Amino acid sequence: MIRKATNYDSRVLAEMAIQMWDSHTIEELETEFKETLIDKHSAFFIKYINNIPVGFAQCGLRTDYVEGTESSPVGYLEGIFVEADYRKNGYARELLLACEMWAKDMGCSEFASDCELDNIGSFKFHIAMGFDEANRIICFKKKI
């Protein structure tokens, strides 16, 4: 079963998300997710197996330019995660489809995402899910 998350799910989401975004604390993620969950331009979906949360996807609407797209707003996959013991069962595909359906319901005709250049697993997932690579960039910064 996949269910759209509510504010009551912020802790469950944070406990899964910390495995992906480990530069944060669970408390930081929970606080961020509580704010995101009340934003009508964002959504989280949780995959359950026997009432156990095993994965989630976060999506949103982007109205600024999204690389390779031609419309606005664009549905955007902000993050997707499935617990290691539950991978290779099609659950990430189900979560992505829930995000895409949500984006269509929000008036989007395009859906996009990104990943770090060295994240080969994420790259392979995106290609397998039908995404086309739009661009590769390296960002720079310096203190002045």
C-alpha atoms as a PDB file:
ATOM      1  CA  MET A   1       0.000   0.000   0.000  1.00  0.00           C
ATOM      2  CA  ILE A   2       1.149   3.527  -0.773  1.00  0.00           C
ATOM      3  CA  ARG A   3      -0.315   6.386   1.191  1.00  0.00           C
ATOM      4  CA  LYS A   4       0.146  10.143   0.959  1.00  0.00           C
ATOM      5  CA  ALA A   5       1.897  11.253   4.140  1.00  0.00           C
ATOM      6  CA  THR A   6       0.389  13.643   6.649  1.00  0.00           C
ATOM      7  CA  ASN A   7       2.009  15.784   9.343  1.00  0.00           C
ATOM      8  CA  TYR A   8       1.709  12.807  11.701  1.00  0.00           C
ATOM      9  CA  ASP A   9       4.198  10.914   9.501  1.00  0.00           C
ATOM     10  CA  SER A  10       7.087  13.375   9.892  1.00  0.00           C
ATOM     11  CA  ARG A  11       9.011  11.158  12.339  1.00  0.00           C
ATOM     12  CA  VAL A  12       8.592   7.999  10.245  1.00  0.00           C
ATOM     13  CA  LEU A  13       9.819   9.905   7.184  1.00  0.00           C
ATOM     14  CA  ALA A  14      12.795  11.339   9.080  1.00  0.00           C
ATOM     15  CA  GLU A  15      13.824   7.909  10.356  1.00  0.00           C
ATOM     16  CA  MET A  16      13.986   6.612   6.799  1.00  0.00           C
ATOM     17  CA  ALA A  17      15.426   9.797   5.280  1.00  0.00           C
ATOM     18  CA  ILE A  18      18.395   9.901   7.671  1.00  0.00           C
ATOM     19  CA  GLN A  19      19.754   6.855   5.856  1.00  0.00           C
ATOM     20  CA  MET A  20      19.894   8.902   2.650  1.00  0.00           C
ATOM     21  CA  TRP A  21      20.573  12.397   3.976  1.00  0.00           C
ATOM     22  CA  ASP A  22      22.965  11.547   6.799  1.00  0.00           C
ATOM     23  CA  SER A  23      24.484  15.020   7.069  1.00  0.00           C
ATOM     24  CA  HIS A  24      21.372  15.980   9.072  1.00  0.00           C
ATOM     25  CA  THR A  25      19.890  14.737  12.321  1.00  0.00           C
ATOM     26  CA  ILE A  26      16.553  12.976  12.593  1.00  0.00           C
ATOM     27  CA  GLU A  27      15.249  15.975  14.524  1.00  0.00           C
ATOM     28  CA  GLU A  28      16.330  18.408  11.767  1.00  0.00           C
ATOM     29  CA  LEU A  29      14.689  16.281   9.103  1.00  0.00           C
ATOM     30  CA  GLU A  30      11.509  15.892  11.148  1.00  0.00           C
ATOM     31  CA  THR A  31      11.254  19.663  11.591  1.00  0.00           C
ATOM     32  CA  GLU A  32      11.854  20.247   7.884  1.00  0.00           C
ATOM     33  CA  PHE A  33       9.321  17.593   6.909  1.00  0.00           C
ATOM     34  CA  LYS A  34       6.642  19.043   9.206  1.00  0.00           C
ATOM     35  CA  GLU A  35       6.984  22.326   7.314  1.00  0.00           C
ATOM     36  CA  THR A  36       7.037  20.615   3.917  1.00  0.00           C
ATOM     37  CA  LEU A  37       4.008  18.449   4.696  1.00  0.00           C
ATOM     38  CA  ILE A  38       1.770  21.505   5.109  1.00  0.00           C
ATOM     39  CA  ASP A  39       2.950  23.027   1.817  1.00  0.00           C
ATOM     40  CA  LYS A  40       0.325  22.345  -0.861  1.00  0.00           C
ATOM     41  CA  HIS A  41       3.080  22.392  -3.503  1.00  0.00           C
ATOM     42  CA  SER A  42       4.854  19.379  -1.986  1.00  0.00           C
ATOM     43  CA  ALA A  43       3.937  15.802  -1.168  1.00  0.00           C
ATOM     44  CA  PHE A  44       5.408  12.717   0.438  1.00  0.00           C
ATOM     45  CA  PHE A  45       4.271   9.180  -0.268  1.00  0.00           C
ATOM     46  CA  ILE A  46       5.041   6.213   1.985  1.00  0.00           C
ATOM     47  CA  LYS A  47       5.156   2.561   0.916  1.00  0.00           C
ATOM     48  CA  TYR A  48       3.908   0.083   3.519  1.00  0.00           C
ATOM     49  CA  ILE A  49       4.309  -3.688   3.619  1.00  0.00           C
ATOM     50  CA  ASN A  50       2.236  -5.346   6.366  1.00  0.00           C
ATOM     51  CA  ASN A  51       1.801  -1.928   8.025  1.00  0.00           C
ATOM     52  CA  ILE A  52       5.591  -1.405   8.115  1.00  0.00           C
ATOM     53  CA  PRO A  53       6.918   1.700   6.338  1.00  0.00           C
ATOM     54  CA  VAL A  54       9.588   0.485   3.901  1.00  0.00           C
ATOM     55  CA  GLY A  55      10.117   3.482   1.629  1.00  0.00           C
ATOM     56  CA  PHE A  56       9.118   6.995   0.739  1.00  0.00           C
ATOM     57  CA  ALA A  57       9.249   9.533  -2.049  1.00  0.00           C
ATOM     58  CA  GLN A  58       9.211  13.305  -1.779  1.00  0.00           C
ATOM     59  CA  CYS A  59       8.016  15.408  -4.688  1.00  0.00           C
ATOM     60  CA  GLY A  60       7.171  19.000  -5.303  1.00  0.00           C
ATOM     61  CA  LEU A  61       6.318  21.611  -7.863  1.00  0.00           C
ATOM     62  CA  ARG A  62       9.047  23.785  -9.304  1.00  0.00           C
ATOM     63  CA  THR A  63       8.105  27.000 -11.041  1.00  0.00           C
ATOM     64  CA  ASP A  64      11.642  28.205 -11.751  1.00  0.00           C
ATOM     65  CA  TYR A  65      13.420  26.847 -14.822  1.00  0.00           C
ATOM     66  CA  VAL A  66      14.043  23.113 -14.600  1.00  0.00           C
ATOM     67  CA  GLU A  67      16.873  21.879 -16.814  1.00  0.00           C
ATOM     68  CA  GLY A  68      15.559  20.331 -20.045  1.00  0.00           C
ATOM     69  CA  THR A  69      11.880  21.161 -19.506  1.00  0.00           C
ATOM     70  CA  GLU A  70       9.542  23.387 -21.485  1.00  0.00           C
ATOM     71  CA  SER A  71       6.647  24.007 -19.094  1.00  0.00           C
ATOM     72  CA  SER A  72       5.870  25.351 -15.646  1.00  0.00           C
ATOM     73  CA  PRO A  73       5.186  24.150 -13.077  1.00  0.00           C
ATOM     74  CA  VAL A  74       7.205  20.946 -13.314  1.00  0.00           C
ATOM     75  CA  GLY A  75       6.737  18.024 -10.955  1.00  0.00           C
ATOM     76  CA  TYR A  76      10.051  17.233  -9.293  1.00  0.00           C
ATOM     77  CA  LEU A  77      11.301  14.160  -7.487  1.00  0.00           C
ATOM     78  CA  GLU A  78      13.132  15.593  -4.485  1.00  0.00           C
ATOM     79  CA  GLY A  79      14.089  12.267  -2.964  1.00  0.00           C
ATOM     80  CA  ILE A  80      13.225   8.582  -3.002  1.00  0.00           C
ATOM     81  CA  PHE A  81      14.281   5.819  -0.636  1.00  0.00           C
ATOM     82  CA  VAL A  82      13.494   2.142  -0.072  1.00  0.00           C
ATOM     83  CA  GLU A  83      14.882   0.166   2.880  1.00  0.00           C
ATOM     84  CA  ALA A  84      17.683  -2.174   1.778  1.00  0.00           C
ATOM     85  CA  ASP A  85      15.776  -5.390   2.603  1.00  0.00           C
ATOM     86  CA  TYR A  86      12.864  -4.299   0.401  1.00  0.00           C
ATOM     87  CA  ARG A  87      14.722  -3.168  -2.716  1.00  0.00           C
ATOM     88  CA  LYS A  88      14.405  -4.823  -6.139  1.00  0.00           C
ATOM     89  CA  ASN A  89      10.663  -5.356  -5.667  1.00  0.00           C
ATOM     90  CA  GLY A  90       9.366  -2.446  -7.739  1.00  0.00           C
ATOM     91  CA  TYR A  91       8.498  -0.318  -4.695  1.00  0.00           C
ATOM     92  CA  ALA A  92      10.539   2.680  -5.875  1.00  0.00           C
ATOM     93  CA  ARG A  93       8.678   2.523  -9.198  1.00  0.00           C
ATOM     94  CA  GLU A  94       5.354   2.524  -7.316  1.00  0.00           C
ATOM     95  CA  LEU A  95       6.442   5.523  -5.243  1.00  0.00           C
ATOM     96  CA  LEU A  96       7.596   7.385  -8.348  1.00  0.00           C
ATOM     97  CA  LEU A  97       4.266   6.693 -10.074  1.00  0.00           C
ATOM     98  CA  ALA A  98       2.418   8.096  -7.043  1.00  0.00           C
ATOM     99  CA  CYS A  99       4.504  11.266  -7.344  1.00  0.00           C
ATOM    100  CA  GLU A 100       3.874  11.502 -11.076  1.00  0.00           C
ATOM    101  CA  MET A 101       0.105  11.083 -10.608  1.00  0.00           C
ATOM    102  CA  TRP A 102       0.156  13.791  -7.918  1.00  0.00           C
ATOM    103  CA  ALA A 103       2.079  16.113 -10.269  1.00  0.00           C
ATOM    104  CA  LYS A 104      -0.446  15.490 -13.076  1.00  0.00           C
ATOM    105  CA  ASP A 105      -3.274  16.274 -10.656  1.00  0.00           C
ATOM    106  CA  MET A 106      -1.435  19.531  -9.846  1.00  0.00           C
ATOM    107  CA  GLY A 107      -1.459  20.491 -13.541  1.00  0.00           C
ATOM    108  CA  CYS A 108       2.012  19.355 -14.590  1.00  0.00           C
ATOM    109  CA  SER A 109       2.805  17.893 -17.982  1.00  0.00           C
ATOM    110  CA  GLU A 110       6.475  17.219 -17.186  1.00  0.00           C
ATOM    111  CA  PHE A 111       8.313  15.545 -14.316  1.00  0.00           C
ATOM    112  CA  ALA A 112      12.014  15.925 -13.531  1.00  0.00           C
ATOM    113  CA  SER A 113      14.676  14.942 -11.044  1.00  0.00           C
ATOM    114  CA  ASP A 114      18.415  15.082 -10.468  1.00  0.00           C
ATOM    115  CA  CYS A 115      21.241  13.158  -8.846  1.00  0.00           C
ATOM    116  CA  GLU A 116      24.864  13.723  -7.973  1.00  0.00           C
ATOM    117  CA  LEU A 117      27.326  12.917 -10.777  1.00  0.00           C
ATOM    118  CA  ASP A 118      28.906  10.096  -8.764  1.00  0.00           C
ATOM    119  CA  ASN A 119      25.611   8.482  -7.664  1.00  0.00           C
ATOM    120  CA  ILE A 120      25.585   5.656 -10.209  1.00  0.00           C
ATOM    121  CA  GLY A 121      22.748   3.800  -8.456  1.00  0.00           C
ATOM    122  CA  SER A 122      20.472   6.818  -8.677  1.00  0.00           C
ATOM    123  CA  PHE A 123      21.495   7.422 -12.297  1.00  0.00           C
ATOM    124  CA  LYS A 124      20.610   3.833 -13.224  1.00  0.00           C
ATOM    125  CA  PHE A 125      17.285   4.109 -11.370  1.00  0.00           C
ATOM    126  CA  HIS A 126      16.324   7.274 -13.248  1.00  0.00           C
ATOM    127  CA  ILE A 127      17.176   5.763 -16.635  1.00  0.00           C
ATOM    128  CA  ALA A 128      15.256   2.566 -15.779  1.00  0.00           C
ATOM    129  CA  MET A 129      12.236   4.690 -14.809  1.00  0.00           C
ATOM    130  CA  GLY A 130      12.142   6.375 -18.209  1.00  0.00           C
ATOM    131  CA  PHE A 131      13.900   9.646 -17.420  1.00  0.00           C
ATOM    132  CA  ASP A 132      16.109  11.160 -20.129  1.00  0.00           C
ATOM    133  CA  GLU A 133      19.344  12.823 -19.107  1.00  0.00           C
ATOM    134  CA  ALA A 134      18.975  16.578 -19.675  1.00  0.00           C
ATOM    135  CA  ASN A 135      22.401  17.914 -18.698  1.00  0.00           C
ATOM    136  CA  ARG A 136      25.481  17.402 -16.535  1.00  0.00           C
ATOM    137  CA  ILE A 137      26.988  20.245 -14.571  1.00  0.00           C
ATOM    138  CA  ILE A 138      29.677  20.866 -12.017  1.00  0.00           C
ATOM    139  CA  CYS A 139      29.002  23.767  -9.671  1.00  0.00           C
ATOM    140  CA  PHE A 140      31.784  25.922  -8.249  1.00  0.00           C
ATOM    141  CA  LYS A 141      32.088  28.267  -5.290  1.00  0.00           C
ATOM    142  CA  LYS A 142      34.676  30.412  -3.566  1.00  0.00           C
ATOM    143  CA  LYS A 143      34.748  32.765  -0.629  1.00  0.00           C
ATOM    144  CA  ILE A 144      35.375  36.407  -1.403  1.00  0.00           C
END
